[in-house]
């Protein structure tokens, strides 16, 4: 997995990206620990390829997780611990959020 100062190294496309944009509520309320645990848990799933994440001081953030296929994304979505974290997000951590799933057809850059 990548460190906070590096970019995810993904394979040659195609693969999928789950794009999670959010606006945090004030205060931590256990969010940091949950976030760390979700990265640890998700990265152990078959089909997980990597993750990139950033958050601004005003609470706006974006996390992109990369997956081999849609079946891998669905398995992650159905994880009981992940579902508990999703409930926490809806109930207390996020003022607003949006999830988008996209198929990556091309990728290029400098690493």
Protein backbone atom coordinates (compact mmCIF):
# COMPACT_ATOMS: atom_id res chain seq x y z
CA UNK A 1 0.00 0.00 0.00
CA UNK A 2 1.12 3.56 -0.59
CA UNK A 3 2.23 5.97 2.12
CA UNK A 4 0.49 9.33 2.68
CA UNK A 5 3.19 11.04 0.58
CA UNK A 6 3.06 8.70 -2.42
CA UNK A 7 0.56 7.88 -5.12
CA UNK A 8 -1.13 4.52 -5.57
CA UNK A 9 0.60 2.30 -8.10
CA UNK A 10 -2.11 0.70 -10.19
CA UNK A 11 -1.80 -1.93 -12.92
CA UNK A 12 -2.37 -1.41 -16.61
CA UNK A 13 -6.10 -0.66 -17.16
CA UNK A 14 -8.84 -1.61 -17.19
CA UNK A 15 -9.68 -1.53 -13.50
CA UNK A 16 -12.21 0.35 -11.37
CA UNK A 17 -12.09 3.43 -9.16
CA UNK A 18 -14.44 4.14 -6.26
CA UNK A 19 -14.43 7.90 -5.80
CA UNK A 20 -15.65 9.04 -2.38
CA UNK A 21 -16.01 12.79 -1.91
CA UNK A 22 -17.12 14.12 1.45
CA UNK A 23 -17.55 17.09 3.71
CA UNK A 24 -16.69 16.29 7.34
CA UNK A 25 -18.55 17.53 10.37
CA UNK A 26 -16.48 19.27 13.06
CA UNK A 27 -14.63 17.13 15.60
CA UNK A 28 -13.04 13.71 15.32
CA UNK A 29 -15.55 11.54 17.23
CA UNK A 30 -13.51 8.42 16.43
CA UNK A 31 -13.17 9.22 12.74
CA UNK A 32 -9.36 8.99 12.48
CA UNK A 33 -9.27 5.52 14.06
CA UNK A 34 -12.14 4.35 11.85
CA UNK A 35 -10.50 5.73 8.73
CA UNK A 36 -7.21 3.98 9.51
CA UNK A 37 -9.05 0.73 10.19
CA UNK A 38 -10.99 0.93 6.91
CA UNK A 39 -7.76 1.37 4.92
CA UNK A 40 -6.24 -1.59 6.77
CA UNK A 41 -9.33 -3.76 6.27
CA UNK A 42 -9.98 -2.77 2.65
CA UNK A 43 -6.39 -3.26 1.58
CA UNK A 44 -6.65 -6.89 2.68
CA UNK A 45 -9.46 -7.62 0.23
CA UNK A 46 -8.82 -9.60 -2.93
CA UNK A 47 -9.04 -7.19 -5.83
CA UNK A 48 -7.85 -4.13 -3.88
CA UNK A 49 -5.23 -2.27 -5.94
CA UNK A 50 -4.48 0.90 -3.97
CA UNK A 51 -5.82 4.11 -2.51
CA UNK A 52 -5.24 7.87 -2.78
CA UNK A 53 -6.76 10.30 -0.29
CA UNK A 54 -6.64 14.02 0.56
CA UNK A 55 -8.55 16.30 2.91
CA UNK A 56 -8.60 20.10 3.08
CA UNK A 57 -8.62 22.11 6.31
CA UNK A 58 -12.30 22.99 5.73
CA UNK A 59 -13.26 19.29 5.90
CA UNK A 60 -13.72 18.64 2.19
CA UNK A 61 -12.03 15.42 1.16
CA UNK A 62 -11.67 12.88 -1.60
CA UNK A 63 -10.61 9.26 -1.42
CA UNK A 64 -10.17 7.13 -4.50
CA UNK A 65 -9.78 3.40 -4.02
CA UNK A 66 -8.80 1.23 -6.97
CA UNK A 67 -10.19 -2.25 -7.57
CA UNK A 68 -9.63 -5.07 -10.03
CA UNK A 69 -13.33 -5.55 -10.83
CA UNK A 70 -16.88 -4.77 -9.78
CA UNK A 71 -17.18 -8.03 -7.81
CA UNK A 72 -14.30 -6.86 -5.56
CA UNK A 73 -16.05 -3.53 -4.98
CA UNK A 74 -19.29 -5.29 -4.08
CA UNK A 75 -17.53 -7.63 -1.64
CA UNK A 76 -15.97 -4.60 0.08
CA UNK A 77 -19.32 -2.76 0.19
CA UNK A 78 -20.92 -5.79 1.89
CA UNK A 79 -18.22 -6.16 4.59
CA UNK A 80 -19.95 -5.96 8.00
CA UNK A 81 -17.27 -3.75 9.57
CA UNK A 82 -17.31 -1.46 6.53
CA UNK A 83 -21.11 -1.20 6.75
CA UNK A 84 -20.78 -0.18 10.41
CA UNK A 85 -18.33 2.56 9.38
CA UNK A 86 -20.74 3.69 6.65
CA UNK A 87 -23.49 4.06 9.27
CA UNK A 88 -21.11 6.12 11.43
CA UNK A 89 -20.41 8.33 8.44
CA UNK A 90 -24.07 8.93 7.70
CA UNK A 91 -24.97 9.51 11.36
CA UNK A 92 -22.09 11.65 12.62
CA UNK A 93 -18.90 12.07 10.56
CA UNK A 94 -20.15 13.52 7.26
CA UNK A 95 -22.28 16.57 6.56
CA UNK A 96 -22.44 15.43 2.92
CA UNK A 97 -20.89 12.74 0.73
CA UNK A 98 -21.07 11.24 -2.74
CA UNK A 99 -19.85 7.89 -4.05
CA UNK A 100 -19.02 7.41 -7.72
CA UNK A 101 -17.75 4.24 -9.37
CA UNK A 102 -15.87 4.49 -12.65
CA UNK A 103 -14.10 2.10 -14.97
CA UNK A 104 -10.56 3.29 -15.69
CA UNK A 105 -9.87 2.82 -19.39
CA UNK A 106 -6.54 4.71 -19.63
CA UNK A 107 -3.97 5.82 -17.11
CA UNK A 108 -0.65 7.58 -17.49
CA UNK A 109 1.67 9.76 -15.46
CA UNK A 110 5.08 10.07 -13.88
CA UNK A 111 6.05 7.97 -10.88
